[in-house]
Every structure is written in C-alpha cells, then in structure tokens.
C-alpha cells in the first residue's frame, strides 16, 4: 500500500490529491479491522463499520501481510504503524540501507516485535538488450539496476546482503521484444545465480 504520487490519477477519479495520506491510513485501518475482527465496530472520518463481516475471510492469519511502499519519512513511519513490510522504490543500495535503518528505528519506537519484511521495486536494464540512451529517459531520474547479466546479478546481490527478501523487477521500460528477452535472462541466469 502506498499513497500515490501522480496527481493526474487523483484528478481523474475525483479524489483530492491532498487527502491521499489520510485516505490511505483510513483504508489500512479498515482493512486491518475487517480482516481480524468478526464484526468490527469502527468509525473513521469517512466510513462507519457496524455489523459488517468479510466473507470469505482471508486465508492468511491473522490477516494478509501489509507491505507499505514509499521512500518519504511519512511512508517509513506508516510501515511501523500499519505495515508488516517495507516496499522500497527504485532505491540505491545506500538509500535502501538508510531507509531500512529508519524503518527499524520507527518500528522499535512503535513497540513492534521482530522486524518487517524487506522488499524492493527497481527497474532493470541488461546491456545488449536495452538501448540505455533511450530507456534511461523513461526513468526520469530514478535509480535502476543496469549492466551485463553478471553486473545486474551483483547489484541485486548487494540488496540481498542488506536483508531484502523480495524484489519486483520493472522490465517495462522498453519495447516488447526487449521486455521478453529481459524476463528470459532474469529467469535463466540472474535468478539461479542469486539463489546460490
């Protein structure tokens, strides 16, 4: 769960952009109650639950895990307040490590036991498949994993060493044949190398 960043999407739905934080936190509160209580009684700024039951109930107990996305301080605080994991976005290993330390601090301050799950979404570009000069412009300044298959593997291993257990690789920053080739290389060469 993340609050969103593209104001035009909110405009298209008729939802005030400035309400995205409060709406997200309210939705997280509602989801947690609906997934863990039989018939929650809950009043929020926009909703009132009374006699409502989710059926069928989620299989995961006590509820499905909530991973909170985002890189802002507010997002990192939401991980500690509402989440079970942090889903970083286009972070370098350095910013991932900094974010992880901040989330851990907020997690402890909130009195939470254990630690959250660590996850990352990052664009990936493999040399010989992508035309970096073209594809780079689509990133708009965001960090991406880039290089040969071996270099991409090593860059992802750096996140793995920092405790990242899950990665969502963005491969859609190119033309369709390059996307398919990237998926094939990730599945046949990068993934097995990271599993060792």
N, C-alpha and C. Protein backbone atom coordinates (compact mmCIF):
# COMPACT_ATOMS: atom_id res chain seq x y z
N UNK A 1 0.85 -1.18 0.00
CA UNK A 1 0.00 0.00 0.00
C UNK A 1 0.89 1.23 0.00
N UNK A 2 0.57 2.16 -0.85
CA UNK A 2 1.28 3.44 -0.89
C UNK A 2 0.26 4.53 -1.18
N UNK A 3 0.64 5.77 -0.94
CA UNK A 3 -0.32 6.86 -1.06
C UNK A 3 -0.50 7.36 -2.49
N UNK A 4 0.41 7.02 -3.40
CA UNK A 4 0.33 7.54 -4.76
C UNK A 4 1.08 8.85 -4.89
N UNK A 5 1.44 9.17 -6.12
CA UNK A 5 2.23 10.38 -6.34
C UNK A 5 1.80 11.16 -7.58
N UNK A 6 1.04 10.54 -8.47
CA UNK A 6 0.69 11.17 -9.73
C UNK A 6 -0.65 11.90 -9.58
N UNK A 7 -0.58 13.20 -9.46
CA UNK A 7 -1.77 13.99 -9.16
C UNK A 7 -2.87 13.80 -10.20
N UNK A 8 -2.49 13.62 -11.46
CA UNK A 8 -3.49 13.44 -12.52
C UNK A 8 -4.37 12.22 -12.31
N UNK A 9 -3.82 11.17 -11.70
CA UNK A 9 -4.63 9.98 -11.41
C UNK A 9 -5.73 10.31 -10.40
N UNK A 10 -5.40 11.11 -9.42
CA UNK A 10 -6.38 11.52 -8.41
C UNK A 10 -7.45 12.41 -9.04
N UNK A 11 -7.00 13.34 -9.90
CA UNK A 11 -7.94 14.22 -10.59
C UNK A 11 -8.93 13.41 -11.42
N UNK A 12 -8.42 12.39 -12.12
CA UNK A 12 -9.28 11.57 -12.98
C UNK A 12 -10.35 10.84 -12.19
N UNK A 13 -10.05 10.52 -10.94
CA UNK A 13 -11.01 9.80 -10.08
C UNK A 13 -11.84 10.74 -9.20
N UNK A 14 -11.54 12.03 -9.29
CA UNK A 14 -12.28 12.99 -8.47
C UNK A 14 -11.93 12.92 -6.99
N UNK A 15 -10.72 12.46 -6.69
CA UNK A 15 -10.27 12.34 -5.30
C UNK A 15 -9.24 13.45 -5.04
N UNK A 16 -9.45 14.25 -4.02
CA UNK A 16 -8.48 15.32 -3.73
C UNK A 16 -7.08 14.76 -3.42
N UNK A 17 -6.11 15.24 -4.16
CA UNK A 17 -4.73 14.78 -4.02
C UNK A 17 -4.21 14.99 -2.60
N UNK A 18 -4.60 16.08 -1.97
CA UNK A 18 -4.12 16.40 -0.63
C UNK A 18 -4.68 15.46 0.44
N UNK A 19 -5.66 14.64 0.09
CA UNK A 19 -6.24 13.71 1.05
C UNK A 19 -5.63 12.31 0.96
N UNK A 20 -4.62 12.13 0.11
CA UNK A 20 -4.13 10.77 -0.14
C UNK A 20 -3.54 10.11 1.11
N UNK A 21 -2.88 10.86 1.98
CA UNK A 21 -2.32 10.26 3.20
C UNK A 21 -3.45 9.82 4.12
N UNK A 22 -4.38 10.71 4.41
CA UNK A 22 -5.46 10.36 5.35
C UNK A 22 -6.33 9.24 4.79
N UNK A 23 -6.58 9.24 3.49
CA UNK A 23 -7.39 8.18 2.88
C UNK A 23 -6.67 6.83 2.94
N UNK A 24 -5.37 6.84 2.70
CA UNK A 24 -4.61 5.59 2.75
C UNK A 24 -4.59 5.05 4.17
N UNK A 25 -4.30 5.90 5.14
CA UNK A 25 -4.25 5.44 6.53
C UNK A 25 -5.62 4.95 7.00
N UNK A 26 -6.66 5.61 6.54
CA UNK A 26 -8.01 5.16 6.88
C UNK A 26 -8.29 3.79 6.25
N UNK A 27 -7.91 3.61 5.00
CA UNK A 27 -8.12 2.32 4.33
C UNK A 27 -7.34 1.20 5.03
N UNK A 28 -6.12 1.49 5.45
CA UNK A 28 -5.32 0.48 6.16
C UNK A 28 -5.98 0.11 7.49
N UNK A 29 -6.51 1.10 8.19
CA UNK A 29 -7.22 0.84 9.45
C UNK A 29 -8.43 -0.05 9.20
N UNK A 30 -9.19 0.26 8.16
CA UNK A 30 -10.38 -0.53 7.82
C UNK A 30 -10.01 -1.96 7.43
N UNK A 31 -8.99 -2.11 6.60
CA UNK A 31 -8.58 -3.46 6.18
C UNK A 31 -8.17 -4.31 7.37
N UNK A 32 -7.35 -3.73 8.24
CA UNK A 32 -6.90 -4.49 9.42
C UNK A 32 -8.09 -4.93 10.27
N UNK A 33 -9.04 -4.04 10.48
CA UNK A 33 -10.22 -4.38 11.30
C UNK A 33 -11.07 -5.45 10.61
N UNK A 34 -11.33 -5.26 9.34
CA UNK A 34 -12.19 -6.21 8.61
C UNK A 34 -11.55 -7.59 8.50
N UNK A 35 -10.24 -7.65 8.45
CA UNK A 35 -9.56 -8.93 8.29
C UNK A 35 -9.33 -9.66 9.62
N UNK A 36 -9.40 -8.94 10.74
CA UNK A 36 -9.05 -9.57 12.02
C UNK A 36 -10.21 -9.66 13.01
N UNK A 37 -11.27 -8.93 12.79
CA UNK A 37 -12.41 -8.94 13.71
C UNK A 37 -13.63 -9.52 13.00
N UNK A 38 -14.44 -10.27 13.73
CA UNK A 38 -15.61 -10.90 13.13
C UNK A 38 -16.63 -9.88 12.64
N UNK A 39 -16.99 -8.96 13.48
CA UNK A 39 -17.93 -7.89 13.11
C UNK A 39 -17.44 -6.58 13.74
N UNK A 40 -16.47 -5.94 13.10
CA UNK A 40 -15.89 -4.74 13.72
C UNK A 40 -16.89 -3.58 13.81
N UNK A 41 -16.76 -2.85 14.89
CA UNK A 41 -17.49 -1.60 15.08
C UNK A 41 -16.44 -0.51 15.01
N UNK A 42 -16.48 0.29 13.97
CA UNK A 42 -15.40 1.26 13.75
C UNK A 42 -15.94 2.49 13.05
N UNK A 43 -15.53 3.64 13.53
CA UNK A 43 -15.90 4.92 12.92
C UNK A 43 -14.62 5.62 12.51
N UNK A 44 -14.51 5.98 11.24
CA UNK A 44 -13.37 6.77 10.76
C UNK A 44 -13.93 8.09 10.22
N UNK A 45 -13.07 8.91 9.70
CA UNK A 45 -13.51 10.20 9.17
C UNK A 45 -14.50 10.05 8.03
N UNK A 46 -14.38 8.99 7.24
CA UNK A 46 -15.21 8.83 6.05
C UNK A 46 -16.11 7.60 6.07
N UNK A 47 -15.88 6.68 7.01
CA UNK A 47 -16.61 5.41 7.00
C UNK A 47 -17.04 5.00 8.40
N UNK A 48 -18.12 4.23 8.44
CA UNK A 48 -18.59 3.66 9.69
C UNK A 48 -18.87 2.19 9.44
N UNK A 49 -18.23 1.33 10.21
CA UNK A 49 -18.47 -0.11 10.12
C UNK A 49 -19.33 -0.53 11.30
N UNK A 50 -20.40 -1.23 11.00
CA UNK A 50 -21.27 -1.75 12.06
C UNK A 50 -21.96 -3.00 11.52
N UNK A 51 -21.65 -4.14 12.13
CA UNK A 51 -22.28 -5.38 11.72
C UNK A 51 -21.80 -5.92 10.39
N UNK A 52 -20.68 -5.40 9.89
CA UNK A 52 -20.13 -5.84 8.61
C UNK A 52 -19.22 -7.03 8.83
N UNK A 53 -19.28 -7.97 7.91
CA UNK A 53 -18.41 -9.15 8.01
C UNK A 53 -17.78 -9.42 6.66
N UNK A 54 -16.50 -9.70 6.65
CA UNK A 54 -15.80 -10.09 5.42
C UNK A 54 -15.97 -11.59 5.26
N UNK A 55 -16.51 -11.98 4.10
CA UNK A 55 -16.70 -13.40 3.85
C UNK A 55 -16.49 -13.67 2.37
N UNK A 56 -15.63 -14.57 2.01
CA UNK A 56 -14.84 -15.41 2.91
C UNK A 56 -13.71 -14.61 3.55
N UNK A 57 -13.34 -15.02 4.74
CA UNK A 57 -12.23 -14.38 5.46
C UNK A 57 -10.92 -14.75 4.78
N UNK A 58 -9.90 -13.90 4.89
CA UNK A 58 -8.60 -14.22 4.30
C UNK A 58 -8.03 -15.52 4.87
N UNK A 59 -7.31 -16.25 4.03
CA UNK A 59 -6.67 -17.48 4.47
C UNK A 59 -5.51 -17.21 5.42
N UNK A 60 -4.75 -16.13 5.15
CA UNK A 60 -3.60 -15.81 6.00
C UNK A 60 -4.08 -15.36 7.37
N UNK A 61 -3.41 -15.82 8.39
CA UNK A 61 -3.77 -15.46 9.76
C UNK A 61 -2.61 -14.73 10.41
N UNK A 62 -2.83 -13.65 11.13
CA UNK A 62 -4.15 -13.15 11.47
C UNK A 62 -4.83 -12.40 10.32
N UNK A 63 -4.04 -12.04 9.29
CA UNK A 63 -4.56 -11.32 8.12
C UNK A 63 -3.49 -11.34 7.06
N UNK A 64 -3.83 -10.95 5.83
CA UNK A 64 -2.78 -10.83 4.81
C UNK A 64 -1.75 -9.79 5.23
N UNK A 65 -0.49 -10.02 4.91
CA UNK A 65 0.53 -9.04 5.27
C UNK A 65 0.33 -7.74 4.49
N UNK A 66 0.61 -6.64 5.14
CA UNK A 66 0.52 -5.32 4.52
C UNK A 66 1.92 -4.77 4.34
N UNK A 67 2.32 -4.62 3.10
CA UNK A 67 3.62 -4.01 2.80
C UNK A 67 3.35 -2.57 2.40
N UNK A 68 4.07 -1.68 3.01
CA UNK A 68 3.89 -0.25 2.77
C UNK A 68 4.99 0.23 1.85
N UNK A 69 4.58 0.88 0.76
CA UNK A 69 5.54 1.39 -0.21
C UNK A 69 5.83 2.86 0.01
N UNK A 70 6.98 3.28 -0.49
CA UNK A 70 7.32 4.69 -0.43
C UNK A 70 8.68 4.93 0.19
N UNK A 71 9.20 6.12 -0.06
CA UNK A 71 10.54 6.48 0.39
C UNK A 71 10.54 7.68 1.34
N UNK A 72 9.41 8.34 1.50
CA UNK A 72 9.36 9.52 2.37
C UNK A 72 9.36 9.10 3.84
N UNK A 73 9.64 10.05 4.70
CA UNK A 73 9.60 9.76 6.14
C UNK A 73 8.21 9.30 6.56
N UNK A 74 7.18 9.94 5.98
CA UNK A 74 5.82 9.53 6.29
C UNK A 74 5.55 8.08 5.93
N UNK A 75 6.04 7.67 4.77
CA UNK A 75 5.87 6.27 4.35
C UNK A 75 6.59 5.33 5.30
N UNK A 76 7.79 5.70 5.71
CA UNK A 76 8.57 4.85 6.61
C UNK A 76 7.90 4.75 7.98
N UNK A 77 7.28 5.84 8.42
CA UNK A 77 6.53 5.79 9.68
C UNK A 77 5.27 4.92 9.54
N UNK A 78 4.62 4.95 8.35
CA UNK A 78 3.44 4.12 8.13
C UNK A 78 3.78 2.64 8.20
N UNK A 79 5.00 2.26 7.80
CA UNK A 79 5.41 0.86 7.92
C UNK A 79 5.29 0.43 9.38
N UNK A 80 5.81 1.25 10.28
CA UNK A 80 5.79 0.91 11.71
C UNK A 80 4.37 0.95 12.29
N UNK A 81 3.54 1.84 11.80
CA UNK A 81 2.18 1.99 12.35
C UNK A 81 1.21 0.96 11.80
N UNK A 82 1.31 0.64 10.51
CA UNK A 82 0.29 -0.17 9.86
C UNK A 82 0.82 -1.44 9.19
N UNK A 83 2.11 -1.48 8.90
CA UNK A 83 2.60 -2.50 7.99
C UNK A 83 3.27 -3.70 8.60
N UNK A 84 3.53 -4.63 7.73
CA UNK A 84 4.30 -5.83 8.06
C UNK A 84 5.59 -5.87 7.25
N UNK A 85 5.72 -4.95 6.31
CA UNK A 85 6.90 -4.90 5.47
C UNK A 85 7.03 -3.56 4.80
N UNK A 86 8.26 -3.28 4.34
CA UNK A 86 8.55 -2.05 3.60
C UNK A 86 8.88 -2.42 2.17
N UNK A 87 8.21 -1.78 1.23
CA UNK A 87 8.46 -2.00 -0.19
C UNK A 87 9.09 -0.73 -0.75
N UNK A 88 10.42 -0.71 -0.80
CA UNK A 88 11.16 0.45 -1.29
C UNK A 88 10.99 0.58 -2.80
N UNK A 89 11.18 1.78 -3.29
CA UNK A 89 11.01 2.04 -4.71
C UNK A 89 12.27 2.65 -5.31
N UNK A 90 12.85 1.95 -6.29
CA UNK A 90 13.99 2.46 -7.06
C UNK A 90 15.09 3.03 -6.17
N UNK A 91 15.36 2.37 -5.08
CA UNK A 91 16.39 2.81 -4.14
C UNK A 91 17.75 2.24 -4.53
N UNK A 92 18.78 3.03 -4.34
CA UNK A 92 20.14 2.50 -4.46
C UNK A 92 20.39 1.63 -3.23
N UNK A 93 21.42 0.79 -3.25
CA UNK A 93 21.72 0.04 -2.02
C UNK A 93 21.92 0.96 -0.81
N UNK A 94 22.53 2.12 -1.04
CA UNK A 94 22.77 3.06 0.06
C UNK A 94 21.46 3.61 0.61
N UNK A 95 20.56 4.05 -0.28
CA UNK A 95 19.29 4.60 0.21
C UNK A 95 18.39 3.50 0.77
N UNK A 96 18.53 2.28 0.25
CA UNK A 96 17.79 1.15 0.83
C UNK A 96 18.27 0.91 2.27
N UNK A 97 19.59 0.91 2.47
CA UNK A 97 20.15 0.69 3.82
C UNK A 97 19.71 1.80 4.77
N UNK A 98 19.73 3.05 4.30
CA UNK A 98 19.29 4.17 5.13
C UNK A 98 17.81 4.05 5.48
N UNK A 99 17.00 3.71 4.48
CA UNK A 99 15.57 3.54 4.72
C UNK A 99 15.30 2.40 5.68
N UNK A 100 16.04 1.31 5.52
CA UNK A 100 15.88 0.16 6.41
C UNK A 100 16.20 0.55 7.86
N UNK A 101 17.27 1.31 8.04
CA UNK A 101 17.64 1.76 9.39
C UNK A 101 16.55 2.66 9.98
N UNK A 102 15.99 3.54 9.16
CA UNK A 102 14.94 4.44 9.63
C UNK A 102 13.67 3.66 9.98
N UNK A 103 13.28 2.73 9.11
CA UNK A 103 12.10 1.91 9.40
C UNK A 103 12.31 1.13 10.70
N UNK A 104 13.49 0.55 10.86
CA UNK A 104 13.80 -0.22 12.07
C UNK A 104 13.68 0.66 13.31
N UNK A 105 14.17 1.89 13.23
CA UNK A 105 14.06 2.85 14.35
C UNK A 105 12.59 3.12 14.68
N UNK A 106 11.79 3.45 13.66
CA UNK A 106 10.37 3.72 13.88
C UNK A 106 9.64 2.47 14.39
N UNK A 107 10.03 1.32 13.89
CA UNK A 107 9.44 0.04 14.29
C UNK A 107 9.64 -0.18 15.79
N UNK A 108 10.88 0.03 16.24
CA UNK A 108 11.19 -0.13 17.67
C UNK A 108 10.44 0.90 18.51
N UNK A 109 10.42 2.16 18.04
CA UNK A 109 9.71 3.22 18.77
C UNK A 109 8.22 2.89 18.92
N UNK A 110 7.66 2.19 17.94
CA UNK A 110 6.24 1.81 17.98
C UNK A 110 6.01 0.58 18.86
N UNK A 111 7.11 0.02 19.40
CA UNK A 111 6.98 -1.14 20.28
C UNK A 111 6.70 -2.44 19.54
N UNK A 112 7.05 -2.48 18.26
CA UNK A 112 6.79 -3.67 17.46
C UNK A 112 7.90 -4.69 17.68
N UNK A 113 7.53 -5.96 17.76
CA UNK A 113 8.50 -7.05 17.91
C UNK A 113 8.99 -7.49 16.53
N UNK A 114 10.11 -8.21 16.52
CA UNK A 114 10.65 -8.73 15.27
C UNK A 114 11.08 -7.62 14.34
N UNK A 115 10.94 -7.86 13.07
CA UNK A 115 11.25 -6.82 12.09
C UNK A 115 10.34 -7.00 10.88
N UNK A 116 10.17 -5.93 10.10
CA UNK A 116 9.32 -6.04 8.92
C UNK A 116 9.99 -6.83 7.81
N UNK A 117 9.20 -7.23 6.84
CA UNK A 117 9.75 -7.82 5.62
C UNK A 117 10.38 -6.69 4.81
N UNK A 118 11.42 -7.01 4.06
CA UNK A 118 12.12 -6.01 3.26
C UNK A 118 11.95 -6.35 1.79
N UNK A 119 11.50 -5.38 1.02
CA UNK A 119 11.18 -5.60 -0.38
C UNK A 119 11.61 -4.38 -1.20
N UNK A 120 11.79 -4.59 -2.49
CA UNK A 120 12.26 -3.52 -3.37
C UNK A 120 11.63 -3.66 -4.74
N UNK A 121 11.24 -2.54 -5.31
CA UNK A 121 10.84 -2.48 -6.72
C UNK A 121 11.87 -1.61 -7.43
N UNK A 122 12.47 -2.16 -8.48
CA UNK A 122 13.52 -1.42 -9.16
C UNK A 122 13.52 -1.77 -10.66
N UNK A 123 13.69 -0.77 -11.52
CA UNK A 123 13.82 -1.04 -12.94
C UNK A 123 15.13 -1.78 -13.24
N UNK A 124 15.11 -2.65 -14.23
CA UNK A 124 16.31 -3.40 -14.60
C UNK A 124 16.55 -3.27 -16.10
N UNK A 125 17.82 -3.04 -16.45
CA UNK A 125 18.23 -2.89 -17.84
C UNK A 125 19.47 -3.76 -18.07
N UNK A 126 19.39 -4.66 -19.02
CA UNK A 126 20.51 -5.56 -19.31
C UNK A 126 21.19 -5.11 -20.59
N UNK A 127 22.52 -4.91 -20.49
CA UNK A 127 23.30 -4.50 -21.66
C UNK A 127 23.11 -5.49 -22.79
N UNK A 128 23.04 -4.95 -24.01
CA UNK A 128 22.85 -5.79 -25.18
C UNK A 128 21.39 -6.04 -25.48
N UNK A 129 20.54 -5.77 -24.51
CA UNK A 129 19.09 -5.94 -24.70
C UNK A 129 18.44 -4.56 -24.81
N UNK A 130 18.85 -3.66 -23.93
CA UNK A 130 18.26 -2.33 -23.88
C UNK A 130 19.15 -1.30 -24.55
N UNK A 131 18.51 -0.29 -25.09
CA UNK A 131 19.24 0.87 -25.62
C UNK A 131 19.20 1.92 -24.51
N UNK A 132 20.25 1.93 -23.69
CA UNK A 132 20.26 2.72 -22.48
C UNK A 132 19.96 4.19 -22.73
N UNK A 133 20.48 4.75 -23.80
CA UNK A 133 20.26 6.17 -24.07
C UNK A 133 18.77 6.48 -24.25
N UNK A 134 18.02 5.52 -24.78
CA UNK A 134 16.58 5.70 -24.96
C UNK A 134 15.83 5.36 -23.67
N UNK A 135 16.13 4.19 -23.12
CA UNK A 135 15.40 3.70 -21.95
C UNK A 135 15.63 4.55 -20.71
N UNK A 136 16.83 5.13 -20.59
CA UNK A 136 17.16 5.94 -19.41
C UNK A 136 16.20 7.11 -19.24
N UNK A 137 15.78 7.70 -20.35
CA UNK A 137 14.88 8.86 -20.29
C UNK A 137 13.55 8.50 -19.63
N UNK A 138 13.12 7.25 -19.78
CA UNK A 138 11.86 6.82 -19.19
C UNK A 138 11.91 6.76 -17.67
N UNK A 139 13.11 6.67 -17.12
CA UNK A 139 13.27 6.58 -15.66
C UNK A 139 13.02 7.91 -14.95
N UNK A 140 13.19 9.01 -15.67
CA UNK A 140 13.01 10.35 -15.10
C UNK A 140 13.82 10.54 -13.82
N UNK A 141 15.08 10.11 -13.85
CA UNK A 141 15.97 10.34 -12.71
C UNK A 141 15.93 9.28 -11.63
N UNK A 142 15.07 8.27 -11.75
CA UNK A 142 15.01 7.22 -10.72
C UNK A 142 16.17 6.24 -10.92
N UNK A 143 16.54 5.57 -9.84
CA UNK A 143 17.62 4.59 -9.88
C UNK A 143 17.13 3.31 -10.55
N UNK A 144 18.01 2.73 -11.36
CA UNK A 144 17.73 1.44 -11.97
C UNK A 144 18.96 0.54 -11.87
N UNK A 145 18.74 -0.77 -11.92
CA UNK A 145 19.82 -1.74 -11.94
C UNK A 145 20.18 -1.93 -13.41
N UNK A 146 21.48 -1.81 -13.72
CA UNK A 146 21.87 -1.76 -15.12
C UNK A 146 23.24 -2.39 -15.31
N UNK A 147 23.42 -3.10 -16.43
CA UNK A 147 24.72 -3.65 -16.78
C UNK A 147 24.58 -5.00 -17.46
N UNK A 148 25.69 -5.73 -17.48
CA UNK A 148 25.68 -7.09 -18.00
C UNK A 148 24.86 -7.97 -17.06
N UNK A 149 24.59 -9.18 -17.48
CA UNK A 149 23.88 -10.12 -16.60
C UNK A 149 24.64 -10.27 -15.29
N UNK A 150 25.95 -10.37 -15.36
CA UNK A 150 26.77 -10.52 -14.15
C UNK A 150 26.68 -9.28 -13.26
N UNK A 151 26.73 -8.10 -13.87
CA UNK A 151 26.65 -6.86 -13.10
C UNK A 151 25.27 -6.68 -12.46
N UNK A 152 24.22 -7.02 -13.20
CA UNK A 152 22.86 -6.94 -12.65
C UNK A 152 22.73 -7.90 -11.47
N UNK A 153 23.29 -9.11 -11.63
CA UNK A 153 23.25 -10.10 -10.55
C UNK A 153 23.96 -9.57 -9.31
N UNK A 154 25.13 -8.97 -9.49
CA UNK A 154 25.89 -8.45 -8.35
C UNK A 154 25.16 -7.28 -7.69
N UNK A 155 24.55 -6.41 -8.49
CA UNK A 155 23.81 -5.28 -7.92
C UNK A 155 22.62 -5.78 -7.09
N UNK A 156 21.92 -6.79 -7.59
CA UNK A 156 20.80 -7.34 -6.82
C UNK A 156 21.29 -8.08 -5.58
N UNK A 157 22.45 -8.73 -5.69
CA UNK A 157 23.03 -9.42 -4.53
C UNK A 157 23.37 -8.43 -3.42
N UNK A 158 23.73 -7.19 -3.79
CA UNK A 158 24.03 -6.17 -2.78
C UNK A 158 22.78 -5.88 -1.94
N UNK A 159 21.62 -5.84 -2.57
CA UNK A 159 20.37 -5.66 -1.82
C UNK A 159 20.08 -6.88 -0.95
N UNK A 160 20.35 -8.05 -1.51
CA UNK A 160 20.13 -9.30 -0.77
C UNK A 160 20.96 -9.31 0.51
N UNK A 161 22.20 -8.85 0.41
CA UNK A 161 23.08 -8.80 1.59
C UNK A 161 22.56 -7.82 2.65
N UNK A 162 21.76 -6.84 2.22
CA UNK A 162 21.17 -5.87 3.14
C UNK A 162 19.89 -6.40 3.79
N UNK A 163 19.49 -7.61 3.42
CA UNK A 163 18.31 -8.21 4.04
C UNK A 163 17.06 -8.21 3.19
N UNK A 164 17.15 -7.68 1.96
CA UNK A 164 15.99 -7.67 1.08
C UNK A 164 15.64 -9.10 0.69
N UNK A 165 14.40 -9.50 0.98
CA UNK A 165 13.98 -10.87 0.70
C UNK A 165 13.12 -10.98 -0.55
N UNK A 166 12.62 -9.87 -1.05
CA UNK A 166 11.71 -9.88 -2.19
C UNK A 166 12.06 -8.71 -3.10
N UNK A 167 12.02 -8.96 -4.40
CA UNK A 167 12.27 -7.88 -5.35
C UNK A 167 11.26 -7.97 -6.48
N UNK A 168 10.73 -6.82 -6.86
CA UNK A 168 9.86 -6.72 -8.04
C UNK A 168 10.66 -5.96 -9.08
N UNK A 169 11.06 -6.65 -10.13
CA UNK A 169 11.88 -6.04 -11.16
C UNK A 169 10.99 -5.45 -12.24
N UNK A 170 11.16 -4.17 -12.48
CA UNK A 170 10.40 -3.50 -13.54
C UNK A 170 11.13 -3.72 -14.86
N UNK A 171 10.46 -4.34 -15.79
CA UNK A 171 11.08 -4.64 -17.08
C UNK A 171 10.35 -3.93 -18.22
N UNK A 172 9.44 -3.06 -17.90
CA UNK A 172 8.56 -2.47 -18.91
C UNK A 172 9.07 -1.16 -19.50
N UNK A 173 10.32 -0.85 -19.31
CA UNK A 173 10.86 0.41 -19.81
C UNK A 173 11.46 0.27 -21.20
N UNK A 174 10.89 -0.57 -22.03
CA UNK A 174 11.46 -0.78 -23.35
C UNK A 174 10.39 -1.32 -24.28
N UNK A 175 10.84 -1.79 -25.44
CA UNK A 175 9.93 -2.37 -26.42
C UNK A 175 9.68 -3.84 -26.07
N UNK A 176 8.60 -4.38 -26.59
CA UNK A 176 8.16 -5.72 -26.21
C UNK A 176 9.23 -6.81 -26.38
N UNK A 177 9.94 -6.90 -27.50
CA UNK A 177 10.96 -7.96 -27.60
C UNK A 177 12.04 -7.84 -26.52
N UNK A 178 12.44 -6.62 -26.17
CA UNK A 178 13.45 -6.43 -25.12
C UNK A 178 12.89 -6.84 -23.76
N UNK A 179 11.62 -6.59 -23.54
CA UNK A 179 10.99 -6.99 -22.28
C UNK A 179 11.03 -8.50 -22.14
N UNK A 180 10.64 -9.21 -23.20
CA UNK A 180 10.65 -10.68 -23.16
C UNK A 180 12.06 -11.23 -22.96
N UNK A 181 13.03 -10.64 -23.66
CA UNK A 181 14.41 -11.11 -23.52
C UNK A 181 14.93 -10.85 -22.10
N UNK A 182 14.57 -9.71 -21.54
CA UNK A 182 14.98 -9.39 -20.17
C UNK A 182 14.39 -10.41 -19.19
N UNK A 183 13.12 -10.71 -19.33
CA UNK A 183 12.47 -11.70 -18.46
C UNK A 183 13.18 -13.04 -18.57
N UNK A 184 13.50 -13.45 -19.79
CA UNK A 184 14.18 -14.73 -20.02
C UNK A 184 15.55 -14.75 -19.33
N UNK A 185 16.33 -13.69 -19.48
CA UNK A 185 17.66 -13.63 -18.86
C UNK A 185 17.56 -13.59 -17.33
N UNK A 186 16.59 -12.86 -16.82
CA UNK A 186 16.40 -12.82 -15.37
C UNK A 186 16.05 -14.21 -14.83
N UNK A 187 15.19 -14.92 -15.55
CA UNK A 187 14.75 -16.24 -15.09
C UNK A 187 15.82 -17.31 -15.23
N UNK A 188 16.58 -17.26 -16.32
CA UNK A 188 17.53 -18.36 -16.59
C UNK A 188 18.93 -18.10 -16.08
N UNK A 189 19.31 -16.83 -15.89
CA UNK A 189 20.68 -16.54 -15.48
C UNK A 189 20.78 -15.80 -14.14
N UNK A 190 20.00 -14.74 -13.98
CA UNK A 190 20.13 -13.93 -12.76
C UNK A 190 19.55 -14.65 -11.55
N UNK A 191 18.33 -15.14 -11.66
CA UNK A 191 17.68 -15.80 -10.51
C UNK A 191 18.48 -16.99 -10.00
N UNK A 192 18.94 -17.91 -10.87
CA UNK A 192 19.73 -19.03 -10.35
C UNK A 192 21.02 -18.58 -9.66
N UNK A 193 21.65 -17.53 -10.19
CA UNK A 193 22.89 -17.03 -9.58
C UNK A 193 22.62 -16.45 -8.19
N UNK A 194 21.49 -15.78 -8.01
CA UNK A 194 21.15 -15.21 -6.71
C UNK A 194 20.74 -16.27 -5.70
N UNK A 195 20.25 -17.40 -6.18
CA UNK A 195 19.80 -18.47 -5.29
C UNK A 195 20.96 -19.25 -4.68
N UNK A 196 22.16 -19.09 -5.23
CA UNK A 196 23.32 -19.83 -4.72
C UNK A 196 23.78 -19.30 -3.39
